[in-house]
Amino acid sequence: MRLFRAASPRGSRNKYKYEPDWDCVQLSTVLPEGMVFPYDFGFIPSTVGADGDPLDILILMDSSVVPGCVVRARLVGVIESEQKEDGDWTRNGRLIAVATHAQTYQTAKHLGDLRPHLLDDIEEFFQTYNKLRGRSASIYLFH
């Protein structure tokens, strides 16, 4: 079981980013009208990823939580992403977890335990998200 801090809530157009100097989240960007975050996104406190930010995580829950909320969850998979911007490829992986209080995902221990279309939806969201930012991306989901 791990602790995660929620940043961008499901159903919101707002993307928040953790600001370590102030120990808070700040508004980073707003998704275009008609596009929302389909799942809660957050990060693992006290970690640093390859991009210099805390490790990103997608958290599956029954309903969203407010930005900054700490959520207990278990890891179920990894999203490996390579993004091409201005001719350069960079890796930007994310973890996938299930909130321990999530009734819907109670029995999920691995990505294979989730409904198949959910994984397709996750991949499609990241493809569209990157396209809107002028990047192409290769997305791979691992158990």
Protein backbone atom coordinates (compact mmCIF):
# COMPACT_ATOMS: atom_id res chain seq x y z
CA MET A 1 0.00 0.00 0.00
CA ARG A 2 1.34 3.42 -0.97
CA LEU A 3 0.32 7.00 -0.36
CA PHE A 4 -0.36 9.30 -3.28
CA ARG A 5 -1.27 12.95 -3.40
CA ALA A 6 -4.06 13.77 -5.85
CA ALA A 7 -3.38 16.63 -8.25
CA SER A 8 -5.86 16.70 -11.17
CA PRO A 9 -9.33 15.33 -10.35
CA ARG A 10 -11.44 13.20 -12.64
CA GLY A 11 -14.00 15.27 -14.53
CA SER A 12 -11.95 18.48 -14.34
CA ARG A 13 -10.41 20.43 -17.20
CA ASN A 14 -7.78 21.81 -14.83
CA LYS A 15 -4.32 20.28 -14.69
CA TYR A 16 -2.46 20.96 -11.48
CA LYS A 17 1.25 20.61 -10.86
CA TYR A 18 2.99 20.13 -7.54
CA GLU A 19 5.12 23.10 -6.48
CA PRO A 20 7.69 21.73 -3.99
CA ASP A 21 8.99 25.16 -2.95
CA TRP A 22 5.56 26.00 -1.57
CA ASP A 23 4.42 22.41 -0.81
CA CYS A 24 1.19 22.95 -2.73
CA VAL A 25 -0.41 22.37 -6.12
CA GLN A 26 -0.76 25.15 -8.66
CA LEU A 27 -2.80 25.44 -11.83
CA SER A 28 -0.59 24.30 -14.70
CA THR A 29 -2.92 24.31 -17.70
CA VAL A 30 -6.57 23.95 -18.69
CA LEU A 31 -7.73 21.29 -21.14
CA PRO A 32 -9.79 22.48 -24.10
CA GLU A 33 -13.56 22.68 -23.77
CA GLY A 34 -15.12 19.24 -24.07
CA MET A 35 -12.05 17.41 -22.74
CA VAL A 36 -11.68 16.44 -19.09
CA PHE A 37 -9.41 14.21 -17.06
CA PRO A 38 -11.10 10.79 -17.15
CA TYR A 39 -9.40 9.60 -13.93
CA ASP A 40 -7.75 11.20 -10.93
CA PHE A 41 -4.08 11.97 -11.51
CA GLY A 42 -1.53 12.55 -8.82
CA PHE A 43 2.02 11.92 -7.76
CA ILE A 44 4.05 10.02 -5.20
CA PRO A 45 5.38 12.46 -2.61
CA SER A 46 9.15 12.55 -1.98
CA THR A 47 10.05 10.97 -5.33
CA VAL A 48 11.73 12.36 -8.43
CA GLY A 49 11.15 11.05 -11.95
CA ALA A 50 13.33 11.38 -15.04
CA ASP A 51 11.66 14.72 -15.83
CA GLY A 52 12.64 16.17 -12.43
CA ASP A 53 9.05 16.09 -11.13
CA PRO A 54 7.58 13.64 -8.61
CA LEU A 55 6.51 10.29 -10.14
CA ASP A 56 3.11 10.63 -11.84
CA ILE A 57 0.26 8.27 -11.09
CA LEU A 58 -3.24 7.61 -12.42
CA ILE A 59 -5.53 6.61 -9.54
CA LEU A 60 -8.67 4.55 -10.19
CA MET A 61 -11.42 5.43 -7.69
CA ASP A 62 -15.19 5.46 -7.44
CA SER A 63 -15.32 9.27 -7.31
CA SER A 64 -12.76 12.04 -7.49
CA VAL A 65 -11.01 13.75 -4.59
CA VAL A 66 -9.82 17.34 -4.17
CA PRO A 67 -6.32 18.33 -5.30
CA GLY A 68 -3.76 17.78 -2.54
CA CYS A 69 -5.73 14.95 -0.89
CA VAL A 70 -3.61 11.97 0.19
CA VAL A 71 -4.97 8.65 -1.13
CA ARG A 72 -3.94 5.16 -0.04
CA ALA A 73 -3.69 2.89 -3.08
CA ARG A 74 -2.01 -0.20 -4.51
CA LEU A 75 -0.07 -0.29 -7.75
CA VAL A 76 -1.55 -2.39 -10.57
CA GLY A 77 0.48 -1.36 -13.62
CA VAL A 78 2.72 1.02 -15.51
CA ILE A 79 2.18 3.30 -18.49
CA GLU A 80 5.37 3.70 -20.48
CA SER A 81 5.19 6.70 -22.74
CA GLU A 82 7.62 8.11 -25.24
CA GLN A 83 6.77 11.59 -26.44
CA LYS A 84 8.17 13.30 -29.51
CA GLU A 85 8.38 17.07 -29.42
CA ASP A 86 10.54 19.23 -31.67
CA GLY A 87 12.13 16.07 -33.10
CA ASP A 88 13.31 14.75 -29.72
CA TRP A 89 11.87 11.67 -27.99
CA THR A 90 11.58 11.70 -24.20
CA ARG A 91 10.26 9.10 -21.79
CA ASN A 92 7.42 10.06 -19.47
CA GLY A 93 6.16 7.04 -17.57
CA ARG A 94 3.23 6.97 -15.19
CA LEU A 95 2.02 4.44 -12.68
CA ILE A 96 -1.53 3.10 -12.40
CA ALA A 97 -2.98 2.42 -8.97
CA VAL A 98 -6.31 1.50 -7.42
CA ALA A 99 -7.49 3.40 -4.34
CA THR A 100 -7.84 1.00 -1.42
CA HIS A 101 -11.29 2.47 -0.70
CA ALA A 102 -12.49 1.93 -4.30
CA GLN A 103 -15.45 -0.45 -4.28
CA THR A 104 -15.50 -0.75 -8.08
CA TYR A 105 -11.88 -1.90 -8.33
CA GLN A 106 -11.74 -3.89 -5.07
CA THR A 107 -10.48 -7.09 -6.66
CA ALA A 108 -8.10 -5.56 -9.21
CA LYS A 109 -4.49 -6.54 -8.53
CA HIS A 110 -3.13 -6.21 -12.10
CA LEU A 111 -4.10 -4.35 -15.28
CA GLY A 112 -5.50 -7.62 -16.63
CA ASP A 113 -8.15 -7.49 -13.89
CA LEU A 114 -9.59 -4.25 -15.28
CA ARG A 115 -12.20 -4.14 -18.04
CA PRO A 116 -10.41 -4.23 -21.43
CA HIS A 117 -11.96 -1.01 -22.73
CA LEU A 118 -10.66 0.88 -19.69
CA LEU A 119 -7.09 0.30 -20.88
CA ASP A 120 -8.05 1.43 -24.40
CA ASP A 121 -9.60 4.58 -22.89
CA ILE A 122 -6.43 5.34 -20.92
CA GLU A 123 -4.28 4.95 -24.02
CA GLU A 124 -6.65 7.13 -26.10
CA PHE A 125 -6.67 9.88 -23.48
CA PHE A 126 -2.86 10.09 -23.48
CA GLN A 127 -2.70 10.05 -27.29
CA THR A 128 -5.20 12.92 -27.51
CA TYR A 129 -3.59 14.82 -24.63
CA ASN A 130 -0.18 14.69 -26.34
CA LYS A 131 -1.62 15.58 -29.76
CA LEU A 132 -3.23 18.72 -28.30
CA ARG A 133 0.19 19.72 -26.95
CA GLY A 134 1.80 19.29 -30.38
CA ARG A 135 3.51 16.01 -29.50
CA SER A 136 3.25 12.52 -30.88
CA ALA A 137 3.42 9.68 -28.40
CA SER A 138 3.84 5.94 -28.13
CA ILE A 139 1.92 4.51 -25.18
CA TYR A 140 2.54 1.03 -23.67
CA LEU A 141 0.67 -0.46 -20.69
CA PHE A 142 2.43 -3.04 -18.49
CA HIS A 143 1.12 -5.29 -15.70
